[in-house]
Amino acid sequence: MMVRKASIEDVIRIAEIHVTGWRFAYRQIISDEFLFKDMLVPKRIDAFTRAMEERKDDIYVFEENHIVKAFMIIGPCRDTDKPSSFELWGLYVDPFMVRQGIGSRLMQYCEQRALESGYNEVVLWVLEDNAIGRRFYEKMGYAYDGTRKYLDKFGVYEIRYQKLLR
């Protein structure tokens, strides 16, 4: 098993995980109309292909037995009030592969990359109503930092978690 930088060959699998992950995690939070009519694998393939070609996202995959089971997107924090923080932009484990320690391994890798890049804090955004995600991040040592924002597109709030490293 390994965490590695994603390649263009991984895009279809990443798109599958992204769509099924959203449907699994956000089913009671975001409308079914969006999840099942707008959140489609071909659209996500196009978006991830563009992102990889433009190299604007650092996308990593968790691979085991030649199967990509999860992915994450990481990089410098996008929030203007956190210019010296690293950010976990997204982490998705295939719903068929959850509860195997994969998410924890990716979080550890993210924190390691942050430290190697000279950061001592990691932040992430999670939907306020995503109890499973929040419990996971809290178990990994992250805490709500009091910052929340409204996502007009979905009519929900997301909140920011942070963790100081070292």
C-alpha atoms as a PDB file:
ATOM      1  CA  MET A   1       0.000   0.000   0.000  1.00  0.00           C
ATOM      2  CA  MET A   2       1.221   3.451  -0.759  1.00  0.00           C
ATOM      3  CA  VAL A   3       0.379   7.117  -1.017  1.00  0.00           C
ATOM      4  CA  ARG A   4       1.622   8.669  -4.239  1.00  0.00           C
ATOM      5  CA  LYS A   5       1.075  11.684  -6.424  1.00  0.00           C
ATOM      6  CA  ALA A   6      -1.881  11.100  -8.734  1.00  0.00           C
ATOM      7  CA  SER A   7      -1.284  10.687 -12.452  1.00  0.00           C
ATOM      8  CA  ILE A   8      -3.593  11.349 -15.383  1.00  0.00           C
ATOM      9  CA  GLU A   9      -4.263   7.576 -15.494  1.00  0.00           C
ATOM     10  CA  ASP A  10      -5.918   7.886 -12.060  1.00  0.00           C
ATOM     11  CA  VAL A  11      -8.469  10.505 -13.118  1.00  0.00           C
ATOM     12  CA  ILE A  12     -11.383   8.154 -13.853  1.00  0.00           C
ATOM     13  CA  ARG A  13     -10.991   6.382 -10.514  1.00  0.00           C
ATOM     14  CA  ILE A  14     -10.587   9.696  -8.656  1.00  0.00           C
ATOM     15  CA  ALA A  15     -13.802  10.973 -10.275  1.00  0.00           C
ATOM     16  CA  GLU A  16     -15.649   7.784  -9.257  1.00  0.00           C
ATOM     17  CA  ILE A  17     -14.479   8.102  -5.661  1.00  0.00           C
ATOM     18  CA  HIS A  18     -15.370  11.805  -5.597  1.00  0.00           C
ATOM     19  CA  VAL A  19     -18.935  11.226  -6.819  1.00  0.00           C
ATOM     20  CA  THR A  20     -19.660   8.159  -4.674  1.00  0.00           C
ATOM     21  CA  GLY A  21     -17.942   9.819  -1.705  1.00  0.00           C
ATOM     22  CA  TRP A  22     -20.136  12.910  -1.983  1.00  0.00           C
ATOM     23  CA  ARG A  23     -23.278  10.805  -2.317  1.00  0.00           C
ATOM     24  CA  PHE A  24     -22.277   8.675   0.673  1.00  0.00           C
ATOM     25  CA  ALA A  25     -21.233  11.536   2.968  1.00  0.00           C
ATOM     26  CA  TYR A  26     -23.649  14.289   1.963  1.00  0.00           C
ATOM     27  CA  ARG A  27     -26.879  12.409   1.141  1.00  0.00           C
ATOM     28  CA  GLN A  28     -28.940  14.045   3.911  1.00  0.00           C
ATOM     29  CA  ILE A  29     -27.070  17.365   3.716  1.00  0.00           C
ATOM     30  CA  ILE A  30     -26.998  18.346   0.032  1.00  0.00           C
ATOM     31  CA  SER A  31     -29.991  17.903  -2.269  1.00  0.00           C
ATOM     32  CA  ASP A  32     -30.478  14.624  -4.121  1.00  0.00           C
ATOM     33  CA  GLU A  33     -31.028  16.689  -7.250  1.00  0.00           C
ATOM     34  CA  PHE A  34     -27.445  17.967  -7.072  1.00  0.00           C
ATOM     35  CA  LEU A  35     -25.932  14.656  -5.939  1.00  0.00           C
ATOM     36  CA  PHE A  36     -27.624  12.524  -8.579  1.00  0.00           C
ATOM     37  CA  LYS A  37     -28.224  14.910 -11.493  1.00  0.00           C
ATOM     38  CA  ASP A  38     -25.301  17.348 -11.337  1.00  0.00           C
ATOM     39  CA  MET A  39     -22.596  15.362  -9.521  1.00  0.00           C
ATOM     40  CA  LEU A  40     -21.749  12.971 -12.349  1.00  0.00           C
ATOM     41  CA  VAL A  41     -18.571  11.017 -13.040  1.00  0.00           C
ATOM     42  CA  PRO A  42     -17.990  12.385 -16.593  1.00  0.00           C
ATOM     43  CA  LYS A  43     -18.153  15.978 -15.301  1.00  0.00           C
ATOM     44  CA  ARG A  44     -15.726  15.159 -12.502  1.00  0.00           C
ATOM     45  CA  ILE A  45     -13.362  13.414 -14.946  1.00  0.00           C
ATOM     46  CA  ASP A  46     -13.245  16.636 -16.966  1.00  0.00           C
ATOM     47  CA  ALA A  47     -12.670  18.776 -13.855  1.00  0.00           C
ATOM     48  CA  PHE A  48      -9.894  16.572 -12.454  1.00  0.00           C
ATOM     49  CA  THR A  49      -8.239  16.263 -15.868  1.00  0.00           C
ATOM     50  CA  ARG A  50      -8.161  20.072 -16.153  1.00  0.00           C
ATOM     51  CA  ALA A  51      -6.827  20.432 -12.608  1.00  0.00           C
ATOM     52  CA  MET A  52      -4.034  17.955 -13.260  1.00  0.00           C
ATOM     53  CA  GLU A  53      -3.119  19.461 -16.620  1.00  0.00           C
ATOM     54  CA  GLU A  54      -2.977  22.926 -15.108  1.00  0.00           C
ATOM     55  CA  ARG A  55      -1.065  21.516 -12.122  1.00  0.00           C
ATOM     56  CA  LYS A  56      -2.915  23.785  -9.771  1.00  0.00           C
ATOM     57  CA  ASP A  57      -3.838  21.033  -7.331  1.00  0.00           C
ATOM     58  CA  ASP A  58      -1.602  18.607  -5.494  1.00  0.00           C
ATOM     59  CA  ILE A  59      -3.630  15.403  -5.776  1.00  0.00           C
ATOM     60  CA  TYR A  60      -2.460  12.251  -4.032  1.00  0.00           C
ATOM     61  CA  VAL A  61      -3.953   8.765  -4.134  1.00  0.00           C
ATOM     62  CA  PHE A  62      -3.904   5.870  -1.703  1.00  0.00           C
ATOM     63  CA  GLU A  63      -3.239   2.717  -3.704  1.00  0.00           C
ATOM     64  CA  GLU A  64      -3.272  -0.874  -2.511  1.00  0.00           C
ATOM     65  CA  ASN A  65      -3.026  -3.993  -4.682  1.00  0.00           C
ATOM     66  CA  HIS A  66      -3.022  -1.726  -7.753  1.00  0.00           C
ATOM     67  CA  ILE A  67      -6.413  -0.301  -6.729  1.00  0.00           C
ATOM     68  CA  VAL A  68      -6.853   3.393  -5.972  1.00  0.00           C
ATOM     69  CA  LYS A  69      -8.983   3.403  -2.824  1.00  0.00           C
ATOM     70  CA  ALA A  70      -8.887   7.096  -1.852  1.00  0.00           C
ATOM     71  CA  PHE A  71      -7.519  10.474  -2.804  1.00  0.00           C
ATOM     72  CA  MET A  72      -6.803  13.839  -1.252  1.00  0.00           C
ATOM     73  CA  ILE A  73      -6.012  17.326  -2.471  1.00  0.00           C
ATOM     74  CA  ILE A  74      -3.558  19.385  -0.441  1.00  0.00           C
ATOM     75  CA  GLY A  75      -1.652  22.644  -0.725  1.00  0.00           C
ATOM     76  CA  PRO A  76      -1.080  26.066   0.762  1.00  0.00           C
ATOM     77  CA  CYS A  77      -4.114  27.413   2.612  1.00  0.00           C
ATOM     78  CA  ARG A  78      -6.521  29.382   0.414  1.00  0.00           C
ATOM     79  CA  ASP A  79      -7.837  31.488   3.320  1.00  0.00           C
ATOM     80  CA  THR A  80      -6.487  35.036   3.484  1.00  0.00           C
ATOM     81  CA  ASP A  81      -6.377  34.931   7.302  1.00  0.00           C
ATOM     82  CA  LYS A  82      -4.159  31.818   7.258  1.00  0.00           C
ATOM     83  CA  PRO A  83      -1.309  32.680   4.836  1.00  0.00           C
ATOM     84  CA  SER A  84       1.213  30.510   6.680  1.00  0.00           C
ATOM     85  CA  SER A  85      -0.972  27.402   6.989  1.00  0.00           C
ATOM     86  CA  PHE A  86      -1.203  24.248   4.909  1.00  0.00           C
ATOM     87  CA  GLU A  87      -4.645  23.031   3.810  1.00  0.00           C
ATOM     88  CA  LEU A  88      -6.297  19.710   3.269  1.00  0.00           C
ATOM     89  CA  TRP A  89      -8.589  20.796   0.426  1.00  0.00           C
ATOM     90  CA  GLY A  90     -10.400  17.468   0.246  1.00  0.00           C
ATOM     91  CA  LEU A  91     -10.112  13.832   1.319  1.00  0.00           C
ATOM     92  CA  TYR A  92     -12.346  11.100  -0.056  1.00  0.00           C
ATOM     93  CA  VAL A  93     -12.203   7.369   0.602  1.00  0.00           C
ATOM     94  CA  ASP A  94     -14.230   5.056  -1.626  1.00  0.00           C
ATOM     95  CA  PRO A  95     -17.351   4.258   0.480  1.00  0.00           C
ATOM     96  CA  PHE A  96     -16.665   0.546  -0.113  1.00  0.00           C
ATOM     97  CA  MET A  97     -13.200   0.957   1.451  1.00  0.00           C
ATOM     98  CA  VAL A  98     -13.995   2.992   4.597  1.00  0.00           C
ATOM     99  CA  ARG A  99     -13.010   1.981   8.143  1.00  0.00           C
ATOM    100  CA  GLN A 100      -9.709   0.411   7.047  1.00  0.00           C
ATOM    101  CA  GLY A 101      -7.394   3.178   8.268  1.00  0.00           C
ATOM    102  CA  ILE A 102      -7.004   4.700   4.799  1.00  0.00           C
ATOM    103  CA  GLY A 103      -8.236   8.162   5.772  1.00  0.00           C
ATOM    104  CA  SER A 104      -5.911   8.194   8.780  1.00  0.00           C
ATOM    105  CA  ARG A 105      -2.942   7.253   6.585  1.00  0.00           C
ATOM    106  CA  LEU A 106      -3.772  10.072   4.174  1.00  0.00           C
ATOM    107  CA  MET A 107      -4.102  12.572   7.051  1.00  0.00           C
ATOM    108  CA  GLN A 108      -0.684  11.532   8.370  1.00  0.00           C
ATOM    109  CA  TYR A 109       0.782  11.940   4.886  1.00  0.00           C
ATOM    110  CA  CYS A 110      -0.797  15.408   4.574  1.00  0.00           C
ATOM    111  CA  GLU A 111       0.721  16.459   7.905  1.00  0.00           C
ATOM    112  CA  GLN A 112       4.120  15.059   6.897  1.00  0.00           C
ATOM    113  CA  ARG A 113       3.990  17.011   3.600  1.00  0.00           C
ATOM    114  CA  ALA A 114       3.017  20.157   5.529  1.00  0.00           C
ATOM    115  CA  LEU A 115       6.009  19.826   7.853  1.00  0.00           C
ATOM    116  CA  GLU A 116       8.380  19.040   4.961  1.00  0.00           C
ATOM    117  CA  SER A 117       7.111  22.188   3.225  1.00  0.00           C
ATOM    118  CA  GLY A 118       7.780  24.352   6.283  1.00  0.00           C
ATOM    119  CA  TYR A 119       4.239  24.633   7.674  1.00  0.00           C
ATOM    120  CA  ASN A 120       3.329  23.980  11.302  1.00  0.00           C
ATOM    121  CA  GLU A 121      -0.457  24.129  10.974  1.00  0.00           C
ATOM    122  CA  VAL A 122      -2.986  22.289   8.822  1.00  0.00           C
ATOM    123  CA  VAL A 123      -6.507  23.579   8.279  1.00  0.00           C
ATOM    124  CA  LEU A 124      -9.483  22.014   6.537  1.00  0.00           C
ATOM    125  CA  TRP A 125     -13.128  22.821   5.850  1.00  0.00           C
ATOM    126  CA  VAL A 126     -15.909  20.346   6.617  1.00  0.00           C
ATOM    127  CA  LEU A 127     -19.660  20.659   6.190  1.00  0.00           C
ATOM    128  CA  GLU A 128     -21.143  21.614   9.559  1.00  0.00           C
ATOM    129  CA  ASP A 129     -23.752  18.835   9.329  1.00  0.00           C
ATOM    130  CA  ASN A 130     -21.225  16.162   8.301  1.00  0.00           C
ATOM    131  CA  ALA A 131     -21.078  14.392  11.671  1.00  0.00           C
ATOM    132  CA  ILE A 132     -19.020  11.444  10.344  1.00  0.00           C
ATOM    133  CA  GLY A 133     -16.388  13.737   8.840  1.00  0.00           C
ATOM    134  CA  ARG A 134     -16.236  15.933  11.935  1.00  0.00           C
ATOM    135  CA  ARG A 135     -15.780  12.919  14.240  1.00  0.00           C
ATOM    136  CA  PHE A 136     -12.984  11.623  12.007  1.00  0.00           C
ATOM    137  CA  TYR A 137     -11.108  14.941  11.986  1.00  0.00           C
ATOM    138  CA  GLU A 138     -11.565  15.348  15.744  1.00  0.00           C
ATOM    139  CA  LYS A 139     -10.166  11.845  16.266  1.00  0.00           C
ATOM    140  CA  MET A 140      -7.144  12.943  14.206  1.00  0.00           C
ATOM    141  CA  GLY A 141      -6.551  15.873  16.564  1.00  0.00           C
ATOM    142  CA  TYR A 142      -8.293  18.676  14.652  1.00  0.00           C
ATOM    143  CA  ALA A 143     -10.552  21.214  16.349  1.00  0.00           C
ATOM    144  CA  TYR A 144     -13.133  23.722  15.140  1.00  0.00           C
ATOM    145  CA  ASP A 145     -11.459  27.145  15.110  1.00  0.00           C
ATOM    146  CA  GLY A 146     -14.690  29.189  15.223  1.00  0.00           C
ATOM    147  CA  THR A 147     -14.719  30.077  11.519  1.00  0.00           C
ATOM    148  CA  ARG A 148     -17.734  29.181   9.411  1.00  0.00           C
ATOM    149  CA  LYS A 149     -19.034  30.200   6.016  1.00  0.00           C
ATOM    150  CA  TYR A 150     -22.272  29.780   4.133  1.00  0.00           C
ATOM    151  CA  LEU A 151     -22.220  27.927   0.817  1.00  0.00           C
ATOM    152  CA  ASP A 152     -24.973  29.585  -1.234  1.00  0.00           C
ATOM    153  CA  LYS A 153     -24.874  26.872  -3.887  1.00  0.00           C
ATOM    154  CA  PHE A 154     -25.925  24.205  -1.382  1.00  0.00           C
ATOM    155  CA  GLY A 155     -27.654  26.207   1.359  1.00  0.00           C
ATOM    156  CA  VAL A 156     -25.360  24.791   4.049  1.00  0.00           C
ATOM    157  CA  TYR A 157     -22.540  25.962   6.301  1.00  0.00           C
ATOM    158  CA  GLU A 158     -19.013  24.655   6.375  1.00  0.00           C
ATOM    159  CA  ILE A 159     -16.688  25.118   9.302  1.00  0.00           C
ATOM    160  CA  ARG A 160     -12.926  25.277   9.566  1.00  0.00           C
ATOM    161  CA  TYR A 161     -10.857  22.885  11.626  1.00  0.00           C
ATOM    162  CA  GLN A 162      -7.203  23.343  12.488  1.00  0.00           C
ATOM    163  CA  LYS A 163      -4.347  21.391  14.011  1.00  0.00           C
ATOM    164  CA  LEU A 164      -0.958  22.658  15.122  1.00  0.00           C
ATOM    165  CA  LEU A 165       1.853  20.292  14.207  1.00  0.00           C
ATOM    166  CA  ARG A 166       4.794  19.811  16.611  1.00  0.00           C
END
